[in-house]
Amino acid sequence: MSAADNIRNNIIDKLLTISNKDYLSALYQLVSTSSVNEDIVQLSESQILMLNMSDEDIKNGRIVPHDELDKIDLEWLKSL
């Protein structure tokens, strides 16, 4: 079972315990007005530039492992 299936089943289990009609109506309205948005997102020139710069950084090995970044962040927070 996928993670999405687990989440869906957990939501269904919780919904089955709700008896408040107003609460259920609000949830129904939220779910029925939400749709999967498959629109193409238009990026600005600056967003495209930043993504291209990120690609170049990755290609050239200019990256910091997550655990190292956590250490740097912790040191920065201690200095405040």
C-alpha atoms as a PDB file:
ATOM      1  CA  MET A   1       0.000   0.000   0.000  1.00  0.00           C
ATOM      2  CA  SER A   2       1.402   3.417  -0.942  1.00  0.00           C
ATOM      3  CA  ALA A   3       1.831   6.329   1.431  1.00  0.00           C
ATOM      4  CA  ALA A   4      -1.052   8.117  -0.288  1.00  0.00           C
ATOM      5  CA  ASP A   5      -3.293   5.096   0.287  1.00  0.00           C
ATOM      6  CA  ASN A   6      -2.352   5.045   3.979  1.00  0.00           C
ATOM      7  CA  ILE A   7      -3.128   8.733   4.364  1.00  0.00           C
ATOM      8  CA  ARG A   8      -6.436   8.353   2.524  1.00  0.00           C
ATOM      9  CA  ASN A   9      -7.447   5.406   4.706  1.00  0.00           C
ATOM     10  CA  ASN A  10      -6.520   7.287   7.880  1.00  0.00           C
ATOM     11  CA  ILE A  11      -8.633  10.244   6.778  1.00  0.00           C
ATOM     12  CA  ILE A  12     -11.569   7.962   6.029  1.00  0.00           C
ATOM     13  CA  ASP A  13     -11.235   6.319   9.455  1.00  0.00           C
ATOM     14  CA  LYS A  14     -11.328   9.705  11.160  1.00  0.00           C
ATOM     15  CA  LEU A  15     -14.247  10.909   9.027  1.00  0.00           C
ATOM     16  CA  LEU A  16     -16.303   7.919  10.104  1.00  0.00           C
ATOM     17  CA  THR A  17     -16.062   9.076  13.727  1.00  0.00           C
ATOM     18  CA  ILE A  18     -17.330  12.616  13.061  1.00  0.00           C
ATOM     19  CA  SER A  19     -21.018  13.184  13.728  1.00  0.00           C
ATOM     20  CA  ASN A  20     -21.155  17.002  13.638  1.00  0.00           C
ATOM     21  CA  LYS A  21     -23.144  17.841  10.496  1.00  0.00           C
ATOM     22  CA  ASP A  22     -21.737  21.380  10.161  1.00  0.00           C
ATOM     23  CA  TYR A  23     -18.171  20.125  10.461  1.00  0.00           C
ATOM     24  CA  LEU A  24     -18.798  17.412   7.880  1.00  0.00           C
ATOM     25  CA  SER A  25     -20.453  19.928   5.544  1.00  0.00           C
ATOM     26  CA  ALA A  26     -17.442  22.217   5.807  1.00  0.00           C
ATOM     27  CA  LEU A  27     -15.089  19.318   5.080  1.00  0.00           C
ATOM     28  CA  TYR A  28     -17.228  18.251   2.141  1.00  0.00           C
ATOM     29  CA  GLN A  29     -17.164  21.774   0.725  1.00  0.00           C
ATOM     30  CA  LEU A  30     -13.389  21.919   1.130  1.00  0.00           C
ATOM     31  CA  VAL A  31     -12.854  18.588  -0.620  1.00  0.00           C
ATOM     32  CA  SER A  32     -15.389  19.184  -3.376  1.00  0.00           C
ATOM     33  CA  THR A  33     -13.984  22.587  -4.326  1.00  0.00           C
ATOM     34  CA  SER A  34     -10.406  21.337  -4.311  1.00  0.00           C
ATOM     35  CA  SER A  35      -9.180  19.844  -7.509  1.00  0.00           C
ATOM     36  CA  VAL A  36      -5.932  18.498  -8.757  1.00  0.00           C
ATOM     37  CA  ASN A  37      -4.307  21.415 -10.452  1.00  0.00           C
ATOM     38  CA  GLU A  38      -2.564  20.295 -13.600  1.00  0.00           C
ATOM     39  CA  ASP A  39      -2.032  23.789 -14.960  1.00  0.00           C
ATOM     40  CA  ILE A  40       1.404  24.625 -16.242  1.00  0.00           C
ATOM     41  CA  VAL A  41       3.132  27.043 -13.920  1.00  0.00           C
ATOM     42  CA  GLN A  42       4.717  30.007 -15.654  1.00  0.00           C
ATOM     43  CA  LEU A  43       8.059  30.864 -14.083  1.00  0.00           C
ATOM     44  CA  SER A  44       9.516  34.347 -14.100  1.00  0.00           C
ATOM     45  CA  GLU A  45      12.883  35.025 -15.714  1.00  0.00           C
ATOM     46  CA  SER A  46      14.498  35.333 -12.289  1.00  0.00           C
ATOM     47  CA  GLN A  47      13.049  31.979 -11.169  1.00  0.00           C
ATOM     48  CA  ILE A  48      14.387  30.300 -14.316  1.00  0.00           C
ATOM     49  CA  LEU A  49      17.777  31.939 -13.731  1.00  0.00           C
ATOM     50  CA  MET A  50      17.876  30.683 -10.135  1.00  0.00           C
ATOM     51  CA  LEU A  51      16.978  27.147 -11.226  1.00  0.00           C
ATOM     52  CA  ASN A  52      19.678  27.220 -13.906  1.00  0.00           C
ATOM     53  CA  MET A  53      22.199  28.455 -11.340  1.00  0.00           C
ATOM     54  CA  SER A  54      21.175  25.608  -9.022  1.00  0.00           C
ATOM     55  CA  ASP A  55      21.677  23.082 -11.823  1.00  0.00           C
ATOM     56  CA  GLU A  56      25.157  24.484 -12.461  1.00  0.00           C
ATOM     57  CA  ASP A  57      26.009  24.287  -8.752  1.00  0.00           C
ATOM     58  CA  ILE A  58      24.976  20.640  -8.669  1.00  0.00           C
ATOM     59  CA  LYS A  59      26.906  19.813 -11.858  1.00  0.00           C
ATOM     60  CA  ASN A  60      30.042  21.472 -10.463  1.00  0.00           C
ATOM     61  CA  GLY A  61      29.794  19.852  -7.030  1.00  0.00           C
ATOM     62  CA  ARG A  62      29.054  23.094  -5.210  1.00  0.00           C
ATOM     63  CA  ILE A  63      26.711  21.447  -2.724  1.00  0.00           C
ATOM     64  CA  VAL A  64      26.534  21.039   1.037  1.00  0.00           C
ATOM     65  CA  PRO A  65      25.248  17.781   2.549  1.00  0.00           C
ATOM     66  CA  HIS A  66      22.139  18.203   4.681  1.00  0.00           C
ATOM     67  CA  ASP A  67      23.826  17.131   7.928  1.00  0.00           C
ATOM     68  CA  GLU A  68      26.639  19.648   7.328  1.00  0.00           C
ATOM     69  CA  LEU A  69      24.084  22.372   6.677  1.00  0.00           C
ATOM     70  CA  ASP A  70      22.374  21.482   9.968  1.00  0.00           C
ATOM     71  CA  LYS A  71      25.701  21.964  11.779  1.00  0.00           C
ATOM     72  CA  ILE A  72      26.273  25.327  10.083  1.00  0.00           C
ATOM     73  CA  ASP A  73      22.743  26.437  10.995  1.00  0.00           C
ATOM     74  CA  LEU A  74      23.228  25.375  14.613  1.00  0.00           C
ATOM     75  CA  GLU A  75      26.482  27.328  14.873  1.00  0.00           C
ATOM     76  CA  TRP A  76      24.783  30.368  13.364  1.00  0.00           C
ATOM     77  CA  LEU A  77      21.882  30.106  15.818  1.00  0.00           C
ATOM     78  CA  LYS A  78      24.280  29.865  18.770  1.00  0.00           C
ATOM     79  CA  SER A  79      25.981  33.064  17.651  1.00  0.00           C
ATOM     80  CA  LEU A  80      22.767  35.092  17.830  1.00  0.00           C
END
